[in-house]
Amino acid sequence: MRVIQQRLSTQLIFLMMLSVFSGHAFSQEPGNALSKAEIKQFAQEQFQTMYKRAMESASSRLAADEPIKAFAVVADRGGEIRLIRIDKIEQMRPDIALEIMRRSLRVLVGKGNVGATCLVYVADNPNQEARADYVLVAEMEHIFGPTLAQLTPYTLQDGKTVFGEPVTVESEPSIFNFKKEGEEGSGEAAE
C-alpha cells in the first residue's frame, strides 16, 4: 500500500510540475514558479529511483554471469519507471550497442513521453590504481535540466560481483537538448 501511495504521490507531483511549467511557470507572478531547489529535489528523487532499478537489473545479470550491454531506465511523464532493453543490442559490440541505445532514447524523448532517462553501460575502470576492474556508468538526465553521471566501480571475485562506492559527477546532456552536428540549438531532442 505504501508503494502505491508513494507512486501516486510521485505521479501527482510530476503532473503538478508539468502543469505549472506549461502554465507559464517562468512568469514573474509570485507563487507560480517552482524554485530551482524544488526542481532539483524532484529530479534527484527520480534519479535515485531510476538508479536503484538500474543497479537491481545490473546486479541480477552479473549474478547470472550475463554480460551487461547498454540499457536504460526511464521515467515517463506520469512518473512511472520502466526498464528498457533492446534485444538486438545483446549481440552487438558494446560501443555500437551504447550508441544505438543513446539514439533510441533521443527518439523516445522526441515523442514527448519521457521526463527522465538513465542510460546504463559498463566501461573499463580508467583508474589504473583502483581495485575495481570495471565501472557501471549511469548517465541520468531530466527534462527540467539536471544532468549527472553515477559511476559505480565493481569487480568480479570468486564468481561474485563486489561493488564499490558510487561517485557522482556532473555531465553534459546527450539525450535532452541534443543538437545534431551543424544545427544551432533547437532546444528539442533530436531524432
Protein backbone atom coordinates (compact mmCIF):
# COMPACT_ATOMS: atom_id res chain seq x y z
CA MET A 1 0.00 0.00 0.00
CA ARG A 2 2.86 2.36 0.87
CA VAL A 3 4.47 1.74 -2.53
CA ILE A 4 1.21 2.56 -4.29
CA GLN A 5 0.85 5.76 -2.25
CA GLN A 6 4.45 6.72 -2.99
CA ARG A 7 3.97 6.05 -6.73
CA LEU A 8 0.75 8.07 -6.75
CA SER A 9 2.35 10.95 -4.87
CA THR A 10 5.32 10.92 -7.27
CA GLN A 11 2.96 10.92 -10.24
CA LEU A 12 0.91 13.72 -8.70
CA ILE A 13 3.99 15.86 -8.09
CA PHE A 14 5.21 15.25 -11.64
CA LEU A 15 1.83 16.16 -13.12
CA MET A 16 1.66 19.28 -10.95
CA MET A 17 5.13 20.29 -12.07
CA LEU A 18 4.20 19.77 -15.72
CA SER A 19 1.05 21.83 -15.34
CA VAL A 20 2.98 24.61 -13.62
CA PHE A 21 5.66 24.60 -16.34
CA SER A 22 3.14 24.52 -19.15
CA GLY A 23 1.14 27.27 -17.41
CA HIS A 24 3.86 29.90 -17.63
CA ALA A 25 5.81 28.84 -14.59
CA PHE A 26 8.55 31.21 -15.58
CA SER A 27 6.29 34.24 -15.30
CA GLN A 28 7.15 36.85 -12.71
CA GLU A 29 3.98 36.26 -10.69
CA PRO A 30 4.84 35.16 -7.15
CA GLY A 31 3.80 31.63 -6.25
CA ASN A 32 3.57 30.45 -9.88
CA ALA A 33 7.11 29.25 -10.46
CA LEU A 34 8.79 26.31 -8.81
CA SER A 35 12.10 27.08 -7.22
CA LYS A 36 15.33 25.66 -8.55
CA ALA A 37 15.66 23.74 -5.29
CA GLU A 38 12.23 22.10 -5.77
CA ILE A 39 13.08 21.14 -9.35
CA LYS A 40 16.45 19.76 -8.27
CA GLN A 41 14.87 17.76 -5.42
CA PHE A 42 12.21 16.31 -7.73
CA ALA A 43 14.82 15.33 -10.34
CA GLN A 44 17.08 13.85 -7.65
CA GLU A 45 14.23 11.66 -6.33
CA GLN A 46 13.58 10.34 -9.84
CA PHE A 47 17.30 9.79 -10.39
CA GLN A 48 17.55 7.77 -7.17
CA THR A 49 14.59 5.59 -8.16
CA MET A 50 15.97 5.02 -11.66
CA TYR A 51 19.49 4.30 -10.35
CA LYS A 52 18.12 1.76 -7.86
CA ARG A 53 16.22 0.00 -10.66
CA ALA A 54 19.33 0.05 -12.88
CA MET A 55 21.50 -1.44 -10.12
CA GLU A 56 18.95 -4.19 -9.44
CA SER A 57 18.93 -5.14 -13.12
CA ALA A 58 22.72 -4.97 -13.48
CA SER A 59 23.29 -6.95 -10.27
CA SER A 60 20.94 -9.74 -11.31
CA ARG A 61 22.61 -10.00 -14.74
CA LEU A 62 26.07 -10.07 -13.24
CA ALA A 63 24.98 -12.69 -10.68
CA ALA A 64 23.71 -14.85 -13.55
CA ASP A 65 27.09 -14.36 -15.31
CA GLU A 66 25.42 -12.45 -18.16
CA PRO A 67 27.18 -9.55 -19.85
CA ILE A 68 25.73 -6.08 -19.45
CA LYS A 69 25.11 -4.26 -22.70
CA ALA A 70 23.69 -0.76 -22.79
CA PHE A 71 20.18 -0.48 -21.35
CA ALA A 72 18.07 2.30 -19.91
CA VAL A 73 15.66 3.13 -17.16
CA VAL A 74 13.20 5.93 -17.92
CA ALA A 75 10.58 7.89 -16.03
CA ASP A 76 7.60 8.67 -18.21
CA ARG A 77 5.67 11.90 -17.81
CA GLY A 78 3.26 10.10 -15.49
CA GLY A 79 6.15 9.27 -13.14
CA GLU A 80 6.22 5.54 -13.92
CA ILE A 81 9.68 3.98 -14.03
CA ARG A 82 10.39 1.49 -16.83
CA LEU A 83 13.38 -0.63 -17.77
CA ILE A 84 14.25 -0.57 -21.48
CA ARG A 85 16.32 -3.23 -23.22
CA ILE A 86 16.66 -3.78 -26.94
CA ASP A 87 17.08 -7.48 -27.78
CA LYS A 88 19.27 -6.94 -30.84
CA ILE A 89 21.77 -4.90 -28.78
CA GLU A 90 22.81 -8.02 -26.88
CA GLN A 91 24.66 -9.32 -29.97
CA MET A 92 26.41 -6.02 -30.80
CA ARG A 93 29.79 -4.69 -29.80
CA PRO A 94 29.49 -2.59 -26.61
CA ASP A 95 30.32 0.75 -28.31
CA ILE A 96 27.72 0.19 -31.04
CA ALA A 97 25.14 -1.02 -28.50
CA LEU A 98 25.68 2.16 -26.47
CA GLU A 99 25.21 4.41 -29.49
CA ILE A 100 22.05 2.55 -30.58
CA MET A 101 20.57 2.88 -27.08
CA ARG A 102 21.50 6.58 -26.90
CA ARG A 103 19.83 7.27 -30.26
CA SER A 104 16.77 5.22 -29.29
CA LEU A 105 16.38 7.31 -26.13
CA ARG A 106 16.59 10.52 -28.18
CA VAL A 107 13.76 9.27 -30.38
CA LEU A 108 11.69 8.29 -27.32
CA VAL A 109 12.29 11.69 -25.72
CA GLY A 110 11.42 13.40 -29.01
CA LYS A 111 7.98 11.79 -28.90
CA GLY A 112 7.30 13.65 -25.66
CA ASN A 113 6.58 10.69 -23.37
CA VAL A 114 9.73 10.69 -21.24
CA GLY A 115 10.60 13.03 -18.38
CA ALA A 116 13.91 11.50 -17.27
CA THR A 117 16.43 8.97 -18.58
CA CYS A 118 19.12 6.79 -17.05
CA LEU A 119 21.43 5.28 -19.68
CA VAL A 120 23.45 2.40 -18.21
CA TYR A 121 26.57 0.70 -19.57
CA VAL A 122 29.85 -0.85 -18.44
CA ALA A 123 33.27 0.67 -19.02
CA ASP A 124 36.78 -0.36 -18.05
CA ASN A 125 37.89 1.43 -14.90
CA PRO A 126 40.10 4.33 -16.05
CA ASN A 127 41.81 4.45 -12.64
CA GLN A 128 44.74 2.05 -13.04
CA GLU A 129 45.43 2.07 -9.29
CA ALA A 130 41.89 1.07 -8.30
CA ARG A 131 41.00 -2.43 -7.16
CA ALA A 132 37.84 -2.45 -9.29
CA ASP A 133 38.25 -3.64 -12.88
CA TYR A 134 35.06 -2.08 -14.25
CA VAL A 135 32.73 0.87 -13.77
CA LEU A 136 28.96 0.73 -14.14
CA VAL A 137 28.06 4.10 -15.64
CA ALA A 138 24.56 5.54 -15.18
CA GLU A 139 24.10 8.77 -17.18
CA MET A 140 20.98 10.49 -15.86
CA GLU A 141 19.17 13.40 -17.48
CA HIS A 142 15.95 15.19 -16.60
CA ILE A 143 13.61 17.20 -18.77
CA PHE A 144 13.88 20.09 -16.29
CA GLY A 145 17.64 20.32 -16.79
CA PRO A 146 19.57 18.39 -14.13
CA THR A 147 22.17 16.06 -15.66
CA LEU A 148 24.65 13.83 -13.86
CA ALA A 149 26.50 10.53 -14.09
CA GLN A 150 26.77 7.98 -11.32
CA LEU A 151 29.92 5.84 -11.60
CA THR A 152 29.90 2.63 -9.60
CA PRO A 153 33.15 0.64 -9.62
CA TYR A 154 32.93 -3.13 -9.44
CA THR A 155 34.99 -6.24 -9.84
CA LEU A 156 34.29 -9.95 -10.10
CA GLN A 157 35.78 -12.03 -7.27
CA ASP A 158 35.25 -15.77 -6.96
CA GLY A 159 32.16 -15.63 -9.17
CA LYS A 160 30.60 -12.76 -7.18
CA THR A 161 30.25 -9.10 -8.02
CA VAL A 162 31.71 -6.68 -5.50
CA PHE A 163 30.55 -3.08 -5.91
CA GLY A 164 32.49 -0.08 -4.64
CA GLU A 165 31.13 3.26 -3.51
CA PRO A 166 29.45 5.18 -6.34
CA VAL A 167 30.82 8.55 -7.37
CA THR A 168 28.50 11.23 -8.75
CA VAL A 169 29.76 13.73 -11.29
CA GLU A 170 28.09 16.43 -13.35
CA SER A 171 27.83 15.64 -17.03
CA GLU A 172 26.72 17.17 -20.30
CA PRO A 173 23.33 16.24 -21.75
CA SER A 174 23.37 13.68 -24.57
CA ILE A 175 19.64 12.84 -24.70
CA PHE A 176 17.67 16.02 -23.82
CA ASN A 177 18.53 19.22 -25.71
CA PHE A 178 20.75 17.23 -28.02
CA LYS A 179 21.93 19.06 -31.15
CA LYS A 180 22.69 17.29 -34.40
CA GLU A 181 26.00 18.28 -35.97
CA GLY A 182 25.69 21.56 -37.83
CA GLU A 183 22.44 22.56 -36.06
CA GLU A 184 22.01 25.62 -33.96
CA GLY A 185 20.41 24.78 -30.58
CA SER A 186 16.78 23.90 -31.19
CA GLY A 187 16.10 23.09 -27.55
CA GLU A 188 14.42 19.82 -28.53
CA ALA A 189 15.64 16.26 -28.60
CA ALA A 190 16.93 15.21 -31.98
CA GLU A 191 15.53 12.17 -33.74
